[in-house]
Amino acid sequence: MIVTFHGKITEYTNGDKTFMPVTDCSTLRALLEELSGYYGESFRLFVNGNESCLFLVNGRGIALSGGLDSPLAPGDKIDILPFVEAG
């Protein structure tokens, strides 16, 4: 699995733009827990914030595949993108 971070999220990943997890995670929720353990509390709060991020698994949104409980498989590509704020 390869995780790619986009935009503002890299502020919470120490500038990392990609991450290849050591363990296999069966769901997106489990992957986010692993990443939160690695990057810390500020990362966890940002990605678990109220609709602050868009998650793509193999280029597709997760809304119809189970949300955060979307299944993951070895070789999947996960993109985490912040929603754009305007005002």
PDB file of N, CA and C in Angstrom:
ATOM      1  N   MET A   1       0.829  -1.175   0.000  1.00  0.00           N
ATOM      2  CA  MET A   1       0.000   0.000   0.000  1.00  0.00           C
ATOM      3  C   MET A   1       0.876   1.242   0.000  1.00  0.00           C
ATOM      4  N   ILE A   2       0.460   2.207  -0.765  1.00  0.00           N
ATOM      5  CA  ILE A   2       1.154   3.491  -0.786  1.00  0.00           C
ATOM      6  C   ILE A   2       0.131   4.580  -0.484  1.00  0.00           C
ATOM      7  N   VAL A   3       0.473   5.440   0.465  1.00  0.00           N
ATOM      8  CA  VAL A   3      -0.385   6.571   0.816  1.00  0.00           C
ATOM      9  C   VAL A   3       0.295   7.829   0.320  1.00  0.00           C
ATOM     10  N   THR A   4      -0.472   8.674  -0.377  1.00  0.00           N
ATOM     11  CA  THR A   4       0.048   9.951  -0.848  1.00  0.00           C
ATOM     12  C   THR A   4      -0.732  11.064  -0.163  1.00  0.00           C
ATOM     13  N   PHE A   5       0.012  12.003   0.407  1.00  0.00           N
ATOM     14  CA  PHE A   5      -0.578  13.150   1.088  1.00  0.00           C
ATOM     15  C   PHE A   5      -0.511  14.353   0.157  1.00  0.00           C
ATOM     16  N   HIS A   6      -1.580  15.128   0.138  1.00  0.00           N
ATOM     17  CA  HIS A   6      -1.652  16.293  -0.750  1.00  0.00           C
ATOM     18  C   HIS A   6      -1.880  17.567   0.067  1.00  0.00           C
ATOM     19  N   GLY A   7      -1.329  18.662  -0.428  1.00  0.00           N
ATOM     20  CA  GLY A   7      -1.611  19.989   0.116  1.00  0.00           C
ATOM     21  C   GLY A   7      -1.254  20.157   1.573  1.00  0.00           C
ATOM     22  N   LYS A   8      -2.141  20.805   2.300  1.00  0.00           N
ATOM     23  CA  LYS A   8      -1.928  21.195   3.691  1.00  0.00           C
ATOM     24  C   LYS A   8      -1.639  20.002   4.604  1.00  0.00           C
ATOM     25  N   ILE A   9      -2.041  18.814   4.212  1.00  0.00           N
ATOM     26  CA  ILE A   9      -1.831  17.652   5.075  1.00  0.00           C
ATOM     27  C   ILE A   9      -0.349  17.429   5.351  1.00  0.00           C
ATOM     28  N   THR A  10       0.512  17.808   4.421  1.00  0.00           N
ATOM     29  CA  THR A  10       1.946  17.603   4.642  1.00  0.00           C
ATOM     30  C   THR A  10       2.469  18.414   5.825  1.00  0.00           C
ATOM     31  N   GLU A  11       1.707  19.418   6.269  1.00  0.00           N
ATOM     32  CA  GLU A  11       2.082  20.144   7.483  1.00  0.00           C
ATOM     33  C   GLU A  11       1.988  19.242   8.708  1.00  0.00           C
ATOM     34  N   TYR A  12       1.181  18.191   8.616  1.00  0.00           N
ATOM     35  CA  TYR A  12       0.979  17.263   9.725  1.00  0.00           C
ATOM     36  C   TYR A  12       1.770  15.970   9.550  1.00  0.00           C
ATOM     37  N   THR A  13       2.500  15.853   8.441  1.00  0.00           N
ATOM     38  CA  THR A  13       3.281  14.637   8.169  1.00  0.00           C
ATOM     39  C   THR A  13       4.778  14.932   8.122  1.00  0.00           C
ATOM     40  N   ASN A  14       5.177  15.997   8.764  1.00  0.00           N
ATOM     41  CA  ASN A  14       6.595  16.401   8.768  1.00  0.00           C
ATOM     42  C   ASN A  14       7.131  16.597   7.354  1.00  0.00           C
ATOM     43  N   GLY A  15       6.262  17.020   6.448  1.00  0.00           N
ATOM     44  CA  GLY A  15       6.659  17.267   5.067  1.00  0.00           C
ATOM     45  C   GLY A  15       6.623  16.038   4.180  1.00  0.00           C
ATOM     46  N   ASP A  16       6.349  14.856   4.753  1.00  0.00           N
ATOM     47  CA  ASP A  16       6.261  13.642   3.929  1.00  0.00           C
ATOM     48  C   ASP A  16       5.109  13.763   2.944  1.00  0.00           C
ATOM     49  N   LYS A  17       5.369  13.363   1.712  1.00  0.00           N
ATOM     50  CA  LYS A  17       4.315  13.355   0.694  1.00  0.00           C
ATOM     51  C   LYS A  17       3.828  11.944   0.407  1.00  0.00           C
ATOM     52  N   THR A  18       4.599  10.956   0.816  1.00  0.00           N
ATOM     53  CA  THR A  18       4.176   9.566   0.646  1.00  0.00           C
ATOM     54  C   THR A  18       4.539   8.767   1.893  1.00  0.00           C
ATOM     55  N   PHE A  19       3.829   7.663   2.068  1.00  0.00           N
ATOM     56  CA  PHE A  19       4.064   6.770   3.190  1.00  0.00           C
ATOM     57  C   PHE A  19       3.734   5.363   2.737  1.00  0.00           C
ATOM     58  N   MET A  20       4.615   4.440   3.041  1.00  0.00           N
ATOM     59  CA  MET A  20       4.349   3.036   2.733  1.00  0.00           C
ATOM     60  C   MET A  20       4.273   2.289   4.058  1.00  0.00           C
ATOM     61  N   PRO A  21       3.054   1.927   4.477  1.00  0.00           N
ATOM     62  CA  PRO A  21       2.887   1.289   5.786  1.00  0.00           C
ATOM     63  C   PRO A  21       3.659  -0.022   5.901  1.00  0.00           C
ATOM     64  N   VAL A  22       4.143  -0.277   7.098  1.00  0.00           N
ATOM     65  CA  VAL A  22       4.860  -1.511   7.380  1.00  0.00           C
ATOM     66  C   VAL A  22       3.876  -2.661   7.503  1.00  0.00           C
ATOM     67  N   THR A  23       2.725  -2.415   8.101  1.00  0.00           N
ATOM     68  CA  THR A  23       1.738  -3.476   8.284  1.00  0.00           C
ATOM     69  C   THR A  23       0.624  -3.337   7.263  1.00  0.00           C
ATOM     70  N   ASP A  24      -0.034  -4.430   7.003  1.00  0.00           N
ATOM     71  CA  ASP A  24      -1.206  -4.380   6.135  1.00  0.00           C
ATOM     72  C   ASP A  24      -2.411  -3.982   6.966  1.00  0.00           C
ATOM     73  N   CYS A  25      -3.189  -3.063   6.461  1.00  0.00           N
ATOM     74  CA  CYS A  25      -4.397  -2.608   7.140  1.00  0.00           C
ATOM     75  C   CYS A  25      -5.588  -3.062   6.310  1.00  0.00           C
ATOM     76  N   SER A  26      -6.581  -3.638   6.959  1.00  0.00           N
ATOM     77  CA  SER A  26      -7.711  -4.187   6.218  1.00  0.00           C
ATOM     78  C   SER A  26      -8.755  -3.141   5.849  1.00  0.00           C
ATOM     79  N   THR A  27      -8.744  -1.993   6.546  1.00  0.00           N
ATOM     80  CA  THR A  27      -9.703  -0.928   6.240  1.00  0.00           C
ATOM     81  C   THR A  27      -9.000   0.425   6.258  1.00  0.00           C
ATOM     82  N   LEU A  28      -9.661   1.405   5.672  1.00  0.00           N
ATOM     83  CA  LEU A  28      -9.125   2.764   5.699  1.00  0.00           C
ATOM     84  C   LEU A  28      -9.036   3.274   7.136  1.00  0.00           C
ATOM     85  N   ARG A  29     -10.007   2.944   7.945  1.00  0.00           N
ATOM     86  CA  ARG A  29      -9.991   3.363   9.357  1.00  0.00           C
ATOM     87  C   ARG A  29      -8.744   2.820  10.069  1.00  0.00           C
ATOM     88  N   ALA A  30      -8.410   1.550   9.835  1.00  0.00           N
ATOM     89  CA  ALA A  30      -7.215   0.955  10.450  1.00  0.00           C
ATOM     90  C   ALA A  30      -5.947   1.638   9.946  1.00  0.00           C
ATOM     91  N   LEU A  31      -5.926   1.984   8.668  1.00  0.00           N
ATOM     92  CA  LEU A  31      -4.769   2.681   8.113  1.00  0.00           C
ATOM     93  C   LEU A  31      -4.604   4.049   8.771  1.00  0.00           C
ATOM     94  N   LEU A  32      -5.705   4.772   8.945  1.00  0.00           N
ATOM     95  CA  LEU A  32      -5.626   6.093   9.580  1.00  0.00           C
ATOM     96  C   LEU A  32      -5.133   5.986  11.025  1.00  0.00           C
ATOM     97  N   GLU A  33      -5.509   4.921  11.712  1.00  0.00           N
ATOM     98  CA  GLU A  33      -5.007   4.693  13.063  1.00  0.00           C
ATOM     99  C   GLU A  33      -3.496   4.470  13.046  1.00  0.00           C
ATOM    100  N   GLU A  34      -3.019   3.671  12.084  1.00  0.00           N
ATOM    101  CA  GLU A  34      -1.580   3.437  11.970  1.00  0.00           C
ATOM    102  C   GLU A  34      -0.842   4.734  11.668  1.00  0.00           C
ATOM    103  N   LEU A  35      -1.370   5.507  10.728  1.00  0.00           N
ATOM    104  CA  LEU A  35      -0.733   6.774  10.375  1.00  0.00           C
ATOM    105  C   LEU A  35      -0.747   7.746  11.551  1.00  0.00           C
ATOM    106  N   SER A  36      -1.839   7.756  12.308  1.00  0.00           N
ATOM    107  CA  SER A  36      -1.934   8.628  13.482  1.00  0.00           C
ATOM    108  C   SER A  36      -0.910   8.230  14.536  1.00  0.00           C
ATOM    109  N   GLY A  37      -0.665   6.942  14.681  1.00  0.00           N
ATOM    110  CA  GLY A  37       0.353   6.489  15.610  1.00  0.00           C
ATOM    111  C   GLY A  37       1.740   6.938  15.185  1.00  0.00           C
ATOM    112  N   TYR A  38       1.955   7.010  13.895  1.00  0.00           N
ATOM    113  CA  TYR A  38       3.260   7.409  13.360  1.00  0.00           C
ATOM    114  C   TYR A  38       3.439   8.929  13.381  1.00  0.00           C
ATOM    115  N   TYR A  39       2.400   9.672  12.942  1.00  0.00           N
ATOM    116  CA  TYR A  39       2.527  11.127  12.804  1.00  0.00           C
ATOM    117  C   TYR A  39       2.037  11.916  14.019  1.00  0.00           C
ATOM    118  N   GLY A  40       1.271  11.305  14.891  1.00  0.00           N
ATOM    119  CA  GLY A  40       0.885  11.970  16.121  1.00  0.00           C
ATOM    120  C   GLY A  40      -0.533  12.515  16.155  1.00  0.00           C
ATOM    121  N   GLU A  41      -0.822  13.121  17.297  1.00  0.00           N
ATOM    122  CA  GLU A  41      -2.163  13.599  17.601  1.00  0.00           C
ATOM    123  C   GLU A  41      -2.655  14.692  16.655  1.00  0.00           C
ATOM    124  N   SER A  42      -1.792  15.606  16.242  1.00  0.00           N
ATOM    125  CA  SER A  42      -2.250  16.684  15.352  1.00  0.00           C
ATOM    126  C   SER A  42      -2.688  16.123  13.999  1.00  0.00           C
ATOM    127  N   PHE A  43      -1.977  15.102  13.507  1.00  0.00           N
ATOM    128  CA  PHE A  43      -2.398  14.451  12.260  1.00  0.00           C
ATOM    129  C   PHE A  43      -3.765  13.802  12.456  1.00  0.00           C
ATOM    130  N   ARG A  44      -3.928  13.060  13.555  1.00  0.00           N
ATOM    131  CA  ARG A  44      -5.189  12.370  13.816  1.00  0.00           C
ATOM    132  C   ARG A  44      -6.355  13.352  13.870  1.00  0.00           C
ATOM    133  N   LEU A  45      -6.156  14.460  14.582  1.00  0.00           N
ATOM    134  CA  LEU A  45      -7.229  15.446  14.693  1.00  0.00           C
ATOM    135  C   LEU A  45      -7.574  16.054  13.344  1.00  0.00           C
ATOM    136  N   PHE A  46      -6.556  16.287  12.505  1.00  0.00           N
ATOM    137  CA  PHE A  46      -6.824  16.889  11.205  1.00  0.00           C
ATOM    138  C   PHE A  46      -7.576  15.921  10.285  1.00  0.00           C
ATOM    139  N   VAL A  47      -7.088  14.698  10.146  1.00  0.00           N
ATOM    140  CA  VAL A  47      -7.736  13.778   9.193  1.00  0.00           C
ATOM    141  C   VAL A  47      -9.066  13.256   9.700  1.00  0.00           C
ATOM    142  N   ASN A  48      -9.277  13.269  11.019  1.00  0.00           N
ATOM    143  CA  ASN A  48     -10.553  12.827  11.569  1.00  0.00           C
ATOM    144  C   ASN A  48     -11.483  13.989  11.857  1.00  0.00           C
ATOM    145  N   GLY A  49     -11.056  15.188  11.454  1.00  0.00           N
ATOM    146  CA  GLY A  49     -11.873  16.375  11.672  1.00  0.00           C
ATOM    147  C   GLY A  49     -13.177  16.297  10.890  1.00  0.00           C
ATOM    148  N   ASN A  50     -14.079  17.147  11.216  1.00  0.00           N
ATOM    149  CA  ASN A  50     -15.398  17.154  10.598  1.00  0.00           C
ATOM    150  C   ASN A  50     -15.295  17.446   9.107  1.00  0.00           C
ATOM    151  N   GLU A  51     -15.230  16.392   8.309  1.00  0.00           N
ATOM    152  CA  GLU A  51     -15.191  16.490   6.851  1.00  0.00           C
ATOM    153  C   GLU A  51     -14.032  17.360   6.363  1.00  0.00           C
ATOM    154  N   SER A  52     -12.856  17.210   6.970  1.00  0.00           N
ATOM    155  CA  SER A  52     -11.722  18.027   6.574  1.00  0.00           C
ATOM    156  C   SER A  52     -10.915  17.413   5.439  1.00  0.00           C
ATOM    157  N   CYS A  53     -11.128  16.123   5.148  1.00  0.00           N
ATOM    158  CA  CYS A  53     -10.313  15.452   4.132  1.00  0.00           C
ATOM    159  C   CYS A  53     -11.163  14.633   3.166  1.00  0.00           C
ATOM    160  N   LEU A  54     -10.614  14.469   1.988  1.00  0.00           N
ATOM    161  CA  LEU A  54     -11.190  13.597   0.971  1.00  0.00           C
ATOM    162  C   LEU A  54     -10.249  12.408   0.852  1.00  0.00           C
ATOM    163  N   PHE A  55     -10.802  11.208   0.878  1.00  0.00           N
ATOM    164  CA  PHE A  55     -10.007   9.995   0.785  1.00  0.00           C
ATOM    165  C   PHE A  55     -10.341   9.276  -0.520  1.00  0.00           C
ATOM    166  N   LEU A  56      -9.297   8.907  -1.250  1.00  0.00           N
ATOM    167  CA  LEU A  56      -9.462   8.146  -2.478  1.00  0.00           C
ATOM    168  C   LEU A  56      -8.707   6.831  -2.342  1.00  0.00           C
ATOM    169  N   VAL A  57      -9.336   5.748  -2.762  1.00  0.00           N
ATOM    170  CA  VAL A  57      -8.682   4.442  -2.805  1.00  0.00           C
ATOM    171  C   VAL A  57      -8.643   4.029  -4.265  1.00  0.00           C
ATOM    172  N   ASN A  58      -7.451   3.905  -4.783  1.00  0.00           N
ATOM    173  CA  ASN A  58      -7.254   3.587  -6.200  1.00  0.00           C
ATOM    174  C   ASN A  58      -7.994   4.565  -7.105  1.00  0.00           C
ATOM    175  N   GLY A  59      -7.966   5.850  -6.712  1.00  0.00           N
ATOM    176  CA  GLY A  59      -8.548   6.911  -7.526  1.00  0.00           C
ATOM    177  C   GLY A  59     -10.039   7.097  -7.374  1.00  0.00           C
ATOM    178  N   ARG A  60     -10.675   6.338  -6.471  1.00  0.00           N
ATOM    179  CA  ARG A  60     -12.129   6.448  -6.306  1.00  0.00           C
ATOM    180  C   ARG A  60     -12.475   6.897  -4.893  1.00  0.00           C
ATOM    181  N   GLY A  61     -13.494   7.741  -4.804  1.00  0.00           N
ATOM    182  CA  GLY A  61     -13.973   8.190  -3.504  1.00  0.00           C
ATOM    183  C   GLY A  61     -14.506   7.020  -2.697  1.00  0.00           C
ATOM    184  N   ILE A  62     -14.582   7.197  -1.398  1.00  0.00           N
ATOM    185  CA  ILE A  62     -14.963   6.094  -0.518  1.00  0.00           C
ATOM    186  C   ILE A  62     -16.436   6.106  -0.122  1.00  0.00           C
ATOM    187  N   ALA A  63     -17.187   7.093  -0.567  1.00  0.00           N
ATOM    188  CA  ALA A  63     -18.576   7.241  -0.129  1.00  0.00           C
ATOM    189  C   ALA A  63     -19.422   6.003  -0.411  1.00  0.00           C
ATOM    190  N   LEU A  64     -19.211   5.370  -1.544  1.00  0.00           N
ATOM    191  CA  LEU A  64     -20.038   4.215  -1.909  1.00  0.00           C
ATOM    192  C   LEU A  64     -19.372   2.874  -1.627  1.00  0.00           C
ATOM    193  N   SER A  65     -18.166   2.911  -1.052  1.00  0.00           N
ATOM    194  CA  SER A  65     -17.463   1.650  -0.811  1.00  0.00           C
ATOM    195  C   SER A  65     -17.313   1.326   0.678  1.00  0.00           C
ATOM    196  N   GLY A  66     -17.996   2.069   1.524  1.00  0.00           N
ATOM    197  CA  GLY A  66     -17.946   1.775   2.953  1.00  0.00           C
ATOM    198  C   GLY A  66     -17.395   2.890   3.809  1.00  0.00           C
ATOM    199  N   GLY A  67     -17.125   4.048   3.221  1.00  0.00           N
ATOM    200  CA  GLY A  67     -16.582   5.155   4.002  1.00  0.00           C
ATOM    201  C   GLY A  67     -15.253   4.777   4.619  1.00  0.00           C
ATOM    202  N   LEU A  68     -15.056   5.130   5.873  1.00  0.00           N
ATOM    203  CA  LEU A  68     -13.794   4.813   6.532  1.00  0.00           C
ATOM    204  C   LEU A  68     -13.618   3.310   6.743  1.00  0.00           C
ATOM    205  N   ASP A  69     -14.693   2.559   6.604  1.00  0.00           N
ATOM    206  CA  ASP A  69     -14.606   1.101   6.720  1.00  0.00           C
ATOM    207  C   ASP A  69     -14.399   0.435   5.360  1.00  0.00           C
ATOM    208  N   SER A  70     -14.056   1.224   4.350  1.00  0.00           N
ATOM    209  CA  SER A  70     -13.745   0.675   3.021  1.00  0.00           C
ATOM    210  C   SER A  70     -12.607  -0.321   3.146  1.00  0.00           C
ATOM    211  N   PRO A  71     -12.758  -1.490   2.524  1.00  0.00           N
ATOM    212  CA  PRO A  71     -11.682  -2.483   2.608  1.00  0.00           C
ATOM    213  C   PRO A  71     -10.461  -2.055   1.802  1.00  0.00           C
ATOM    214  N   LEU A  72      -9.302  -2.433   2.300  1.00  0.00           N
ATOM    215  CA  LEU A  72      -8.039  -2.165   1.613  1.00  0.00           C
ATOM    216  C   LEU A  72      -7.334  -3.486   1.348  1.00  0.00           C
ATOM    217  N   ALA A  73      -6.530  -3.508   0.298  1.00  0.00           N
ATOM    218  CA  ALA A  73      -5.765  -4.701  -0.060  1.00  0.00           C
ATOM    219  C   ALA A  73      -4.326  -4.292  -0.357  1.00  0.00           C
ATOM    220  N   PRO A  74      -3.397  -5.235  -0.201  1.00  0.00           N
ATOM    221  CA  PRO A  74      -2.014  -4.924  -0.563  1.00  0.00           C
ATOM    222  C   PRO A  74      -1.956  -4.393  -1.992  1.00  0.00           C
ATOM    223  N   GLY A  75      -1.154  -3.380  -2.205  1.00  0.00           N
ATOM    224  CA  GLY A  75      -1.024  -2.782  -3.525  1.00  0.00           C
ATOM    225  C   GLY A  75      -1.961  -1.621  -3.793  1.00  0.00           C
ATOM    226  N   ASP A  76      -2.924  -1.381  -2.889  1.00  0.00           N
ATOM    227  CA  ASP A  76      -3.828  -0.241  -3.065  1.00  0.00           C
ATOM    228  C   ASP A  76      -3.054   1.063  -2.967  1.00  0.00           C
ATOM    229  N   LYS A  77      -3.578   2.070  -3.654  1.00  0.00           N
ATOM    230  CA  LYS A  77      -3.018   3.416  -3.598  1.00  0.00           C
ATOM    231  C   LYS A  77      -4.066   4.310  -2.935  1.00  0.00           C
ATOM    232  N   ILE A  78      -3.672   4.950  -1.851  1.00  0.00           N
ATOM    233  CA  ILE A  78      -4.580   5.800  -1.095  1.00  0.00           C
ATOM    234  C   ILE A  78      -4.097   7.241  -1.182  1.00  0.00           C
ATOM    235  N   ASP A  79      -5.005   8.131  -1.536  1.00  0.00           N
ATOM    236  CA  ASP A  79      -4.714   9.565  -1.574  1.00  0.00           C
ATOM    237  C   ASP A  79      -5.533  10.235  -0.483  1.00  0.00           C
ATOM    238  N   ILE A  80      -4.877  11.110   0.267  1.00  0.00           N
ATOM    239  CA  ILE A  80      -5.560  11.896   1.287  1.00  0.00           C
ATOM    240  C   ILE A  80      -5.385  13.359   0.920  1.00  0.00           C
ATOM    241  N   LEU A  81      -6.519  14.020   0.656  1.00  0.00           N
ATOM    242  CA  LEU A  81      -6.509  15.409   0.198  1.00  0.00           C
ATOM    243  C   LEU A  81      -7.327  16.266   1.145  1.00  0.00           C
ATOM    244  N   PRO A  82      -6.849  17.466   1.490  1.00  0.00           N
ATOM    245  CA  PRO A  82      -7.661  18.360   2.309  1.00  0.00           C
ATOM    246  C   PRO A  82      -8.731  19.015   1.435  1.00  0.00           C
ATOM    247  N   PHE A  83      -9.890  19.259   2.043  1.00  0.00           N
ATOM    248  CA  PHE A  83     -10.876  20.057   1.335  1.00  0.00           C
ATOM    249  C   PHE A  83     -10.377  21.481   1.270  1.00  0.00           C
ATOM    250  N   VAL A  84     -10.668  22.163   0.201  1.00  0.00           N
ATOM    251  CA  VAL A  84     -10.235  23.549   0.033  1.00  0.00           C
ATOM    252  C   VAL A  84     -11.195  24.451   0.774  1.00  0.00           C
ATOM    253  N   GLU A  85     -10.634  25.368   1.527  1.00  0.00           N
ATOM    254  CA  GLU A  85     -11.443  26.335   2.244  1.00  0.00           C
ATOM    255  C   GLU A  85     -11.446  27.649   1.481  1.00  0.00           C
ATOM    256  N   ALA A  86     -12.591  28.284   1.430  1.00  0.00           N
ATOM    257  CA  ALA A  86     -12.697  29.580   0.758  1.00  0.00           C
ATOM    258  C   ALA A  86     -13.436  30.533   1.684  1.00  0.00           C
ATOM    259  N   GLY A  87     -13.234  31.790   1.442  1.00  0.00           N
ATOM    260  CA  GLY A  87     -13.973  32.714   2.284  1.00  0.00           C
ATOM    261  C   GLY A  87     -13.550  34.121   2.096  1.00  0.00           C
TER     262      GLY A  87
END
